[in-house]
């Protein structure tokens, strides 16, 4: 059973990585285009700083994804099971 869960988790993580890849790529391309426009306008220092910060942020997000994606999955599962385990709330009572 543990092997099945490990394989299932790997498949889910791979699907999440594929699902969020376009978001990161679009963000990176948009940031680089903004940096290019700023460079053309004459704010080359700001453009270089923006491109560098964006590259660092994307690199950090990709490097830490093996940590934060499973953490999000665990937190979501805990939240789901917590909600499923709670007793149904009493309906609201109207007071005069």
C-alpha atoms as a PDB file:
ATOM      1  CA  UNK A   1       0.000   0.000   0.000  1.00  0.00           C
ATOM      2  CA  UNK A   2       2.866   2.379   0.735  1.00  0.00           C
ATOM      3  CA  UNK A   3       4.297   1.856  -2.735  1.00  0.00           C
ATOM      4  CA  UNK A   4       0.950   2.662  -4.336  1.00  0.00           C
ATOM      5  CA  UNK A   5       0.663   5.875  -2.330  1.00  0.00           C
ATOM      6  CA  UNK A   6       4.206   6.888  -3.250  1.00  0.00           C
ATOM      7  CA  UNK A   7       3.523   6.299  -6.938  1.00  0.00           C
ATOM      8  CA  UNK A   8       0.232   8.169  -6.670  1.00  0.00           C
ATOM      9  CA  UNK A   9       1.959  11.112  -4.957  1.00  0.00           C
ATOM     10  CA  UNK A  10       4.654  11.215  -7.643  1.00  0.00           C
ATOM     11  CA  UNK A  11       2.009  11.197 -10.370  1.00  0.00           C
ATOM     12  CA  UNK A  12       0.085  13.991  -8.641  1.00  0.00           C
ATOM     13  CA  UNK A  13       3.261  16.038  -8.201  1.00  0.00           C
ATOM     14  CA  UNK A  14       4.181  15.546 -11.847  1.00  0.00           C
ATOM     15  CA  UNK A  15       0.713  16.657 -12.919  1.00  0.00           C
ATOM     16  CA  UNK A  16       0.924  19.718 -10.671  1.00  0.00           C
ATOM     17  CA  UNK A  17       4.340  20.602 -12.049  1.00  0.00           C
ATOM     18  CA  UNK A  18       3.007  20.326 -15.599  1.00  0.00           C
ATOM     19  CA  UNK A  19      -0.090  22.306 -14.682  1.00  0.00           C
ATOM     20  CA  UNK A  20       1.836  25.233 -13.166  1.00  0.00           C
ATOM     21  CA  UNK A  21       4.665  25.276 -15.724  1.00  0.00           C
ATOM     22  CA  UNK A  22       2.812  27.619 -18.135  1.00  0.00           C
ATOM     23  CA  UNK A  23       2.101  30.051 -15.295  1.00  0.00           C
ATOM     24  CA  UNK A  24       5.786  30.324 -14.453  1.00  0.00           C
ATOM     25  CA  UNK A  25       6.779  30.542 -18.091  1.00  0.00           C
ATOM     26  CA  UNK A  26       4.275  33.309 -18.843  1.00  0.00           C
ATOM     27  CA  UNK A  27       5.391  35.215 -15.750  1.00  0.00           C
ATOM     28  CA  UNK A  28       9.025  34.872 -16.719  1.00  0.00           C
ATOM     29  CA  UNK A  29       8.422  35.917 -20.325  1.00  0.00           C
ATOM     30  CA  UNK A  30       6.293  38.880 -19.205  1.00  0.00           C
ATOM     31  CA  UNK A  31       9.004  39.977 -16.792  1.00  0.00           C
ATOM     32  CA  UNK A  32      11.666  39.701 -19.448  1.00  0.00           C
ATOM     33  CA  UNK A  33       9.535  41.683 -21.911  1.00  0.00           C
ATOM     34  CA  UNK A  34       8.988  44.387 -19.312  1.00  0.00           C
ATOM     35  CA  UNK A  35      12.722  44.447 -18.657  1.00  0.00           C
ATOM     36  CA  UNK A  36      13.402  44.709 -22.402  1.00  0.00           C
ATOM     37  CA  UNK A  37      10.952  47.597 -22.790  1.00  0.00           C
ATOM     38  CA  UNK A  38      12.492  49.396 -19.825  1.00  0.00           C
ATOM     39  CA  UNK A  39      15.928  48.827 -21.342  1.00  0.00           C
ATOM     40  CA  UNK A  40      14.830  50.319 -24.654  1.00  0.00           C
ATOM     41  CA  UNK A  41      13.353  53.341 -22.889  1.00  0.00           C
ATOM     42  CA  UNK A  42      16.655  53.990 -21.192  1.00  0.00           C
ATOM     43  CA  UNK A  43      16.176  52.553 -17.744  1.00  0.00           C
ATOM     44  CA  UNK A  44      18.691  49.811 -18.325  1.00  0.00           C
ATOM     45  CA  UNK A  45      19.752  49.569 -14.692  1.00  0.00           C
ATOM     46  CA  UNK A  46      16.174  49.090 -13.538  1.00  0.00           C
ATOM     47  CA  UNK A  47      15.581  46.607 -16.355  1.00  0.00           C
ATOM     48  CA  UNK A  48      18.640  44.572 -15.389  1.00  0.00           C
ATOM     49  CA  UNK A  49      17.606  44.605 -11.736  1.00  0.00           C
ATOM     50  CA  UNK A  50      14.043  43.529 -12.600  1.00  0.00           C
ATOM     51  CA  UNK A  51      15.236  40.717 -14.867  1.00  0.00           C
ATOM     52  CA  UNK A  52      17.736  39.569 -12.247  1.00  0.00           C
ATOM     53  CA  UNK A  53      15.152  39.567  -9.464  1.00  0.00           C
ATOM     54  CA  UNK A  54      12.679  37.726 -11.659  1.00  0.00           C
ATOM     55  CA  UNK A  55      15.291  35.133 -12.562  1.00  0.00           C
ATOM     56  CA  UNK A  56      16.176  34.657  -8.895  1.00  0.00           C
ATOM     57  CA  UNK A  57      12.504  34.372  -7.915  1.00  0.00           C
ATOM     58  CA  UNK A  58      11.794  31.814 -10.646  1.00  0.00           C
ATOM     59  CA  UNK A  59      14.895  29.848  -9.771  1.00  0.00           C
ATOM     60  CA  UNK A  60      13.947  29.850  -6.103  1.00  0.00           C
ATOM     61  CA  UNK A  61      10.377  28.768  -6.880  1.00  0.00           C
ATOM     62  CA  UNK A  62      11.608  25.915  -9.063  1.00  0.00           C
ATOM     63  CA  UNK A  63      14.294  24.876  -6.578  1.00  0.00           C
ATOM     64  CA  UNK A  64      11.874  24.831  -3.635  1.00  0.00           C
ATOM     65  CA  UNK A  65       8.983  23.207  -5.525  1.00  0.00           C
ATOM     66  CA  UNK A  66       9.843  19.730  -4.177  1.00  0.00           C
ATOM     67  CA  UNK A  67       9.197  21.225  -0.732  1.00  0.00           C
ATOM     68  CA  UNK A  68       6.218  23.548  -1.140  1.00  0.00           C
ATOM     69  CA  UNK A  69       4.079  21.406  -3.463  1.00  0.00           C
ATOM     70  CA  UNK A  70       3.965  18.418  -1.054  1.00  0.00           C
ATOM     71  CA  UNK A  71       3.423  20.814   1.862  1.00  0.00           C
ATOM     72  CA  UNK A  72       0.425  22.298   0.052  1.00  0.00           C
ATOM     73  CA  UNK A  73      -0.912  18.809  -0.677  1.00  0.00           C
ATOM     74  CA  UNK A  74      -0.580  17.776   2.971  1.00  0.00           C
ATOM     75  CA  UNK A  75      -2.185  21.000   4.194  1.00  0.00           C
ATOM     76  CA  UNK A  76      -5.063  20.586   1.745  1.00  0.00           C
ATOM     77  CA  UNK A  77      -5.604  16.957   2.772  1.00  0.00           C
ATOM     78  CA  UNK A  78      -5.569  17.887   6.466  1.00  0.00           C
ATOM     79  CA  UNK A  79      -8.046  20.695   5.843  1.00  0.00           C
ATOM     80  CA  UNK A  80     -10.286  18.377   3.821  1.00  0.00           C
ATOM     81  CA  UNK A  81     -10.275  15.612   6.419  1.00  0.00           C
ATOM     82  CA  UNK A  82     -10.794  18.140   9.189  1.00  0.00           C
ATOM     83  CA  UNK A  83     -13.896  19.479   7.456  1.00  0.00           C
ATOM     84  CA  UNK A  84     -15.174  15.992   6.713  1.00  0.00           C
ATOM     85  CA  UNK A  85     -14.678  14.911  10.339  1.00  0.00           C
ATOM     86  CA  UNK A  86     -16.469  17.842  11.916  1.00  0.00           C
ATOM     87  CA  UNK A  87     -20.018  17.452  13.009  1.00  0.00           C
ATOM     88  CA  UNK A  88     -22.480  19.368  10.890  1.00  0.00           C
ATOM     89  CA  UNK A  89     -23.155  22.762  12.352  1.00  0.00           C
ATOM     90  CA  UNK A  90     -26.555  23.524  13.778  1.00  0.00           C
ATOM     91  CA  UNK A  91     -28.633  25.694  11.492  1.00  0.00           C
ATOM     92  CA  UNK A  92     -28.647  29.357  12.449  1.00  0.00           C
ATOM     93  CA  UNK A  93     -31.424  30.394  14.778  1.00  0.00           C
ATOM     94  CA  UNK A  94     -33.208  33.665  14.179  1.00  0.00           C
ATOM     95  CA  UNK A  95     -33.702  35.735  17.293  1.00  0.00           C
ATOM     96  CA  UNK A  96     -36.154  38.561  17.676  1.00  0.00           C
END
